[in-house]
Amino acid sequence: MARIRIGSRKSVTTSMRCTGLAVGRVDSCVQVRPWNVARSSQVSTFGWLSTVVYARQVHGEPRLLTAADVFVCPSVYEPLGIVNLEAMACGTAVVGTATGGIPEVIVDGETGRLVPIEQATDGTGTPLDPDRFVADLGAALAEVVSDRPTAARYGEAGRARAEAVFDWDAIGAQTVGIYRSLVDR
């Protein structure tokens, strides 16, 4: 199952279009965040999807992430990408946009796939070539969902990275190390 998170900076249309490029490989989708009626009409044009589940939030719902084969985050802006860490902590492979802090979280070809994006520099993060972005995101998603052993390997590596680098003990140790280096100057 491919789980797609939609928020204010994640486009329903982009998500569904890229997932549609993996037709035959994706049988269901979970969209997380409040769903409004205006956006719901966009999904009706994507009849290839057999199941769409709408959830109010992902926090406290690790079962959704654990059940997914792939987590997709089509962000055009993401300061860190905690949603990707949540998926990785659940052992789920991730496909995300190479923007903001996401490349700090996802290691391309190790914990998932990073999709390049050329963006406007006006602060919106709008893709300069939206069709190319959708095609690249769809290709990365299709690649991961088509290869279950690789998806499983990405998931295992993602969980290990989430624990080793982003666990609170690891963050605490990194913070102490920074303070020590500053005191030792």
C-alpha atoms as a PDB file:
ATOM      1  CA  MET A   1       0.000   0.000   0.000  1.00  0.00           C
ATOM      2  CA  ALA A   2       1.325   3.461  -0.820  1.00  0.00           C
ATOM      3  CA  ARG A   3       0.431   6.015   1.823  1.00  0.00           C
ATOM      4  CA  ILE A   4       0.294   9.601   0.711  1.00  0.00           C
ATOM      5  CA  ARG A   5       0.246  12.465   3.170  1.00  0.00           C
ATOM      6  CA  ILE A   6      -1.459  15.622   2.012  1.00  0.00           C
ATOM      7  CA  GLY A   7      -1.029  18.932   3.802  1.00  0.00           C
ATOM      8  CA  SER A   8      -1.114  22.566   2.852  1.00  0.00           C
ATOM      9  CA  ARG A   9       2.145  22.261   0.912  1.00  0.00           C
ATOM     10  CA  LYS A  10       1.438  18.799  -0.478  1.00  0.00           C
ATOM     11  CA  SER A  11      -0.702  18.809  -3.569  1.00  0.00           C
ATOM     12  CA  VAL A  12      -3.551  16.318  -3.867  1.00  0.00           C
ATOM     13  CA  THR A  13      -3.240  16.464  -7.623  1.00  0.00           C
ATOM     14  CA  THR A  14       0.539  15.927  -7.594  1.00  0.00           C
ATOM     15  CA  SER A  15       0.184  13.004  -5.202  1.00  0.00           C
ATOM     16  CA  MET A  16      -2.560  11.292  -7.156  1.00  0.00           C
ATOM     17  CA  ARG A  17      -0.895  11.933 -10.517  1.00  0.00           C
ATOM     18  CA  CYS A  18       2.426  10.463  -9.371  1.00  0.00           C
ATOM     19  CA  THR A  19       0.690   7.503  -7.742  1.00  0.00           C
ATOM     20  CA  GLY A  20      -1.278   6.997 -10.946  1.00  0.00           C
ATOM     21  CA  LEU A  21       1.998   6.451 -12.772  1.00  0.00           C
ATOM     22  CA  ALA A  22       2.402   3.330 -10.644  1.00  0.00           C
ATOM     23  CA  VAL A  23      -0.957   1.854 -11.744  1.00  0.00           C
ATOM     24  CA  GLY A  24      -1.015  -1.881 -11.262  1.00  0.00           C
ATOM     25  CA  ARG A  25       1.493  -1.574  -8.448  1.00  0.00           C
ATOM     26  CA  VAL A  26      -0.469   0.558  -5.977  1.00  0.00           C
ATOM     27  CA  ASP A  27      -3.826  -0.763  -4.853  1.00  0.00           C
ATOM     28  CA  SER A  28      -4.676   1.590  -2.035  1.00  0.00           C
ATOM     29  CA  CYS A  29      -3.768   4.953  -0.644  1.00  0.00           C
ATOM     30  CA  VAL A  30      -4.117   6.609   2.730  1.00  0.00           C
ATOM     31  CA  GLN A  31      -4.414  10.378   2.679  1.00  0.00           C
ATOM     32  CA  VAL A  32      -3.725  11.990   6.024  1.00  0.00           C
ATOM     33  CA  ARG A  33      -4.880  15.438   7.140  1.00  0.00           C
ATOM     34  CA  PRO A  34      -8.312  17.012   7.125  1.00  0.00           C
ATOM     35  CA  TRP A  35      -9.936  16.457   3.769  1.00  0.00           C
ATOM     36  CA  ASN A  36     -12.112  19.216   2.412  1.00  0.00           C
ATOM     37  CA  VAL A  37     -14.887  18.872  -0.119  1.00  0.00           C
ATOM     38  CA  ALA A  38     -13.191  21.090  -2.695  1.00  0.00           C
ATOM     39  CA  ARG A  39     -10.193  18.794  -2.830  1.00  0.00           C
ATOM     40  CA  SER A  40     -12.207  15.586  -2.767  1.00  0.00           C
ATOM     41  CA  SER A  41     -13.496  16.337  -6.256  1.00  0.00           C
ATOM     42  CA  GLN A  42      -9.925  16.119  -7.539  1.00  0.00           C
ATOM     43  CA  VAL A  43      -9.732  12.429  -6.595  1.00  0.00           C
ATOM     44  CA  SER A  44     -12.796  11.455  -8.627  1.00  0.00           C
ATOM     45  CA  THR A  45     -10.715  11.755 -11.784  1.00  0.00           C
ATOM     46  CA  PHE A  46      -8.364   9.044 -10.510  1.00  0.00           C
ATOM     47  CA  GLY A  47     -10.667   6.032 -10.873  1.00  0.00           C
ATOM     48  CA  TRP A  48      -7.778   3.534 -11.100  1.00  0.00           C
ATOM     49  CA  LEU A  49      -7.372   3.584  -7.320  1.00  0.00           C
ATOM     50  CA  SER A  50      -9.369   0.794  -5.675  1.00  0.00           C
ATOM     51  CA  THR A  51      -9.210   2.153  -2.120  1.00  0.00           C
ATOM     52  CA  VAL A  52      -8.717   5.628  -0.714  1.00  0.00           C
ATOM     53  CA  VAL A  53      -8.750   5.981   3.075  1.00  0.00           C
ATOM     54  CA  TYR A  54      -9.019   9.402   4.674  1.00  0.00           C
ATOM     55  CA  ALA A  55      -7.534   9.810   8.152  1.00  0.00           C
ATOM     56  CA  ARG A  56      -7.583  12.908  10.340  1.00  0.00           C
ATOM     57  CA  GLN A  57      -3.999  12.601  11.592  1.00  0.00           C
ATOM     58  CA  VAL A  58      -0.989  10.302  11.521  1.00  0.00           C
ATOM     59  CA  HIS A  59       0.369  10.956  15.032  1.00  0.00           C
ATOM     60  CA  GLY A  60      -0.476   7.979  17.205  1.00  0.00           C
ATOM     61  CA  GLU A  61      -1.335   5.874  14.165  1.00  0.00           C
ATOM     62  CA  PRO A  62       1.862   3.946  13.453  1.00  0.00           C
ATOM     63  CA  ARG A  63      -0.243   1.049  12.184  1.00  0.00           C
ATOM     64  CA  LEU A  64      -0.966   3.027   9.007  1.00  0.00           C
ATOM     65  CA  LEU A  65       2.729   3.526   8.380  1.00  0.00           C
ATOM     66  CA  THR A  66       3.716   0.002   9.362  1.00  0.00           C
ATOM     67  CA  ALA A  67       1.103  -1.473   6.998  1.00  0.00           C
ATOM     68  CA  ALA A  68       2.336   0.632   4.076  1.00  0.00           C
ATOM     69  CA  ASP A  69       4.948  -0.599   1.628  1.00  0.00           C
ATOM     70  CA  VAL A  70       5.954   2.960   0.783  1.00  0.00           C
ATOM     71  CA  PHE A  71       5.383   6.417   2.249  1.00  0.00           C
ATOM     72  CA  VAL A  72       5.292   9.267  -0.285  1.00  0.00           C
ATOM     73  CA  CYS A  73       5.960  12.886   0.682  1.00  0.00           C
ATOM     74  CA  PRO A  74       5.584  15.173  -2.364  1.00  0.00           C
ATOM     75  CA  SER A  75       6.561  18.320  -0.455  1.00  0.00           C
ATOM     76  CA  VAL A  76       7.682  21.517  -2.084  1.00  0.00           C
ATOM     77  CA  TYR A  77       8.638  22.813   1.370  1.00  0.00           C
ATOM     78  CA  GLU A  78       9.657  20.863   4.452  1.00  0.00           C
ATOM     79  CA  PRO A  79      11.996  22.270   7.116  1.00  0.00           C
ATOM     80  CA  LEU A  80      13.062  18.813   8.355  1.00  0.00           C
ATOM     81  CA  GLY A  81      10.675  16.155   7.224  1.00  0.00           C
ATOM     82  CA  ILE A  82       9.481  14.656  10.501  1.00  0.00           C
ATOM     83  CA  VAL A  83       6.732  12.814   8.619  1.00  0.00           C
ATOM     84  CA  ASN A  84       9.474  10.931   6.775  1.00  0.00           C
ATOM     85  CA  LEU A  85      11.145  10.088  10.094  1.00  0.00           C
ATOM     86  CA  GLU A  86       7.825   8.763  11.406  1.00  0.00           C
ATOM     87  CA  ALA A  87       7.560   6.456   8.397  1.00  0.00           C
ATOM     88  CA  MET A  88      11.190   5.386   8.702  1.00  0.00           C
ATOM     89  CA  ALA A  89      10.753   4.654  12.427  1.00  0.00           C
ATOM     90  CA  CYS A  90       7.928   2.299  11.424  1.00  0.00           C
ATOM     91  CA  GLY A  91      10.208   0.471   8.990  1.00  0.00           C
ATOM     92  CA  THR A  92       8.518   1.856   5.883  1.00  0.00           C
ATOM     93  CA  ALA A  93      10.427   2.825   2.741  1.00  0.00           C
ATOM     94  CA  VAL A  94      10.110   6.511   1.843  1.00  0.00           C
ATOM     95  CA  VAL A  95       9.974   8.489  -1.386  1.00  0.00           C
ATOM     96  CA  GLY A  96      10.368  12.216  -0.864  1.00  0.00           C
ATOM     97  CA  THR A  97      11.279  15.440  -2.563  1.00  0.00           C
ATOM     98  CA  ALA A  98      14.905  16.596  -2.376  1.00  0.00           C
ATOM     99  CA  THR A  99      14.006  19.941  -0.832  1.00  0.00           C
ATOM    100  CA  GLY A 100      14.440  21.659   2.520  1.00  0.00           C
ATOM    101  CA  GLY A 101      15.516  19.305   5.291  1.00  0.00           C
ATOM    102  CA  ILE A 102      14.274  16.114   3.633  1.00  0.00           C
ATOM    103  CA  PRO A 103      17.731  15.187   2.232  1.00  0.00           C
ATOM    104  CA  GLU A 104      19.024  15.288   5.828  1.00  0.00           C
ATOM    105  CA  VAL A 105      16.496  12.579   6.692  1.00  0.00           C
ATOM    106  CA  ILE A 106      16.274  10.351   3.590  1.00  0.00           C
ATOM    107  CA  VAL A 107      19.473   8.833   2.220  1.00  0.00           C
ATOM    108  CA  ASP A 108      18.817   8.246  -1.486  1.00  0.00           C
ATOM    109  CA  GLY A 109      19.215   4.586  -2.420  1.00  0.00           C
ATOM    110  CA  GLU A 110      19.632   3.556   1.229  1.00  0.00           C
ATOM    111  CA  THR A 111      16.484   4.489   3.183  1.00  0.00           C
ATOM    112  CA  GLY A 112      14.349   5.362   0.167  1.00  0.00           C
ATOM    113  CA  ARG A 113      14.397   7.631  -2.831  1.00  0.00           C
ATOM    114  CA  LEU A 114      14.924  11.373  -3.109  1.00  0.00           C
ATOM    115  CA  VAL A 115      13.282  13.007  -6.092  1.00  0.00           C
ATOM    116  CA  PRO A 116      15.026  16.089  -7.512  1.00  0.00           C
ATOM    117  CA  ILE A 117      12.997  19.233  -7.998  1.00  0.00           C
ATOM    118  CA  GLU A 118      13.762  22.559  -9.631  1.00  0.00           C
ATOM    119  CA  GLN A 119      11.868  25.210  -7.716  1.00  0.00           C
ATOM    120  CA  ALA A 120      10.916  28.860  -7.949  1.00  0.00           C
ATOM    121  CA  THR A 121      13.069  31.049  -5.720  1.00  0.00           C
ATOM    122  CA  ASP A 122      10.166  33.277  -4.665  1.00  0.00           C
ATOM    123  CA  GLY A 123       9.608  31.424  -1.392  1.00  0.00           C
ATOM    124  CA  THR A 124       6.730  29.279  -2.655  1.00  0.00           C
ATOM    125  CA  GLY A 125       8.845  26.298  -3.687  1.00  0.00           C
ATOM    126  CA  THR A 126       6.631  25.875  -6.731  1.00  0.00           C
ATOM    127  CA  PRO A 127       8.119  23.355  -9.177  1.00  0.00           C
ATOM    128  CA  LEU A 128       9.418  25.081 -12.317  1.00  0.00           C
ATOM    129  CA  ASP A 129       8.351  22.057 -14.353  1.00  0.00           C
ATOM    130  CA  PRO A 130       5.400  20.451 -12.515  1.00  0.00           C
ATOM    131  CA  ASP A 131       4.951  17.695 -15.111  1.00  0.00           C
ATOM    132  CA  ARG A 132       8.595  16.692 -14.790  1.00  0.00           C
ATOM    133  CA  PHE A 133       8.319  16.684 -10.993  1.00  0.00           C
ATOM    134  CA  VAL A 134       5.217  14.449 -11.147  1.00  0.00           C
ATOM    135  CA  ALA A 135       6.903  12.105 -13.646  1.00  0.00           C
ATOM    136  CA  ASP A 136      10.055  11.837 -11.535  1.00  0.00           C
ATOM    137  CA  LEU A 137       8.068  11.289  -8.336  1.00  0.00           C
ATOM    138  CA  GLY A 138       5.885   8.687 -10.052  1.00  0.00           C
ATOM    139  CA  ALA A 139       8.921   6.877 -11.462  1.00  0.00           C
ATOM    140  CA  ALA A 140      10.588   6.730  -8.043  1.00  0.00           C
ATOM    141  CA  LEU A 141       7.364   5.476  -6.448  1.00  0.00           C
ATOM    142  CA  ALA A 142       6.845   2.850  -9.170  1.00  0.00           C
ATOM    143  CA  GLU A 143      10.450   1.700  -8.761  1.00  0.00           C
ATOM    144  CA  VAL A 144      10.103   1.181  -5.015  1.00  0.00           C
ATOM    145  CA  VAL A 145       6.646  -0.457  -4.998  1.00  0.00           C
ATOM    146  CA  SER A 146       7.695  -2.755  -7.856  1.00  0.00           C
ATOM    147  CA  ASP A 147      10.618  -4.159  -5.889  1.00  0.00           C
ATOM    148  CA  ARG A 148       9.432  -5.453  -2.517  1.00  0.00           C
ATOM    149  CA  PRO A 149      12.874  -6.710  -1.397  1.00  0.00           C
ATOM    150  CA  THR A 150      14.348  -3.250  -2.030  1.00  0.00           C
ATOM    151  CA  ALA A 151      11.407  -1.575  -0.294  1.00  0.00           C
ATOM    152  CA  ALA A 152      11.931  -3.870   2.697  1.00  0.00           C
ATOM    153  CA  ARG A 153      15.670  -3.092   2.708  1.00  0.00           C
ATOM    154  CA  TYR A 154      14.937   0.654   2.581  1.00  0.00           C
ATOM    155  CA  GLY A 155      12.472   0.213   5.450  1.00  0.00           C
ATOM    156  CA  GLU A 156      14.993  -1.651   7.616  1.00  0.00           C
ATOM    157  CA  ALA A 157      17.734   0.888   6.877  1.00  0.00           C
ATOM    158  CA  GLY A 158      15.305   3.749   7.528  1.00  0.00           C
ATOM    159  CA  ARG A 159      14.367   2.379  10.932  1.00  0.00           C
ATOM    160  CA  ALA A 160      18.040   1.940  11.832  1.00  0.00           C
ATOM    161  CA  ARG A 161      18.801   5.524  10.706  1.00  0.00           C
ATOM    162  CA  ALA A 162      15.832   6.964  12.601  1.00  0.00           C
ATOM    163  CA  GLU A 163      17.028   5.252  15.774  1.00  0.00           C
ATOM    164  CA  ALA A 164      20.747   5.982  15.336  1.00  0.00           C
ATOM    165  CA  VAL A 165      20.581   9.593  14.178  1.00  0.00           C
ATOM    166  CA  PHE A 166      17.208  11.025  15.213  1.00  0.00           C
ATOM    167  CA  ASP A 167      16.370   9.189  18.435  1.00  0.00           C
ATOM    168  CA  TRP A 168      16.259  11.517  21.466  1.00  0.00           C
ATOM    169  CA  ASP A 169      19.345   9.866  23.004  1.00  0.00           C
ATOM    170  CA  ALA A 170      21.260  10.406  19.754  1.00  0.00           C
ATOM    171  CA  ILE A 171      20.081  14.014  19.480  1.00  0.00           C
ATOM    172  CA  GLY A 172      21.064  14.620  23.111  1.00  0.00           C
ATOM    173  CA  ALA A 173      24.538  13.183  22.512  1.00  0.00           C
ATOM    174  CA  GLN A 174      24.940  15.336  19.385  1.00  0.00           C
ATOM    175  CA  THR A 175      23.887  18.438  21.320  1.00  0.00           C
ATOM    176  CA  VAL A 176      26.328  17.682  24.157  1.00  0.00           C
ATOM    177  CA  GLY A 177      29.070  17.169  21.558  1.00  0.00           C
ATOM    178  CA  ILE A 178      28.387  20.581  20.024  1.00  0.00           C
ATOM    179  CA  TYR A 179      28.481  22.285  23.426  1.00  0.00           C
ATOM    180  CA  ARG A 180      31.719  20.489  24.346  1.00  0.00           C
ATOM    181  CA  SER A 181      33.353  21.535  21.088  1.00  0.00           C
ATOM    182  CA  LEU A 182      32.389  25.154  21.765  1.00  0.00           C
ATOM    183  CA  VAL A 183      33.695  25.052  25.353  1.00  0.00           C
ATOM    184  CA  ASP A 184      36.975  23.476  24.198  1.00  0.00           C
ATOM    185  CA  ARG A 185      37.692  26.350  21.779  1.00  0.00           C
END
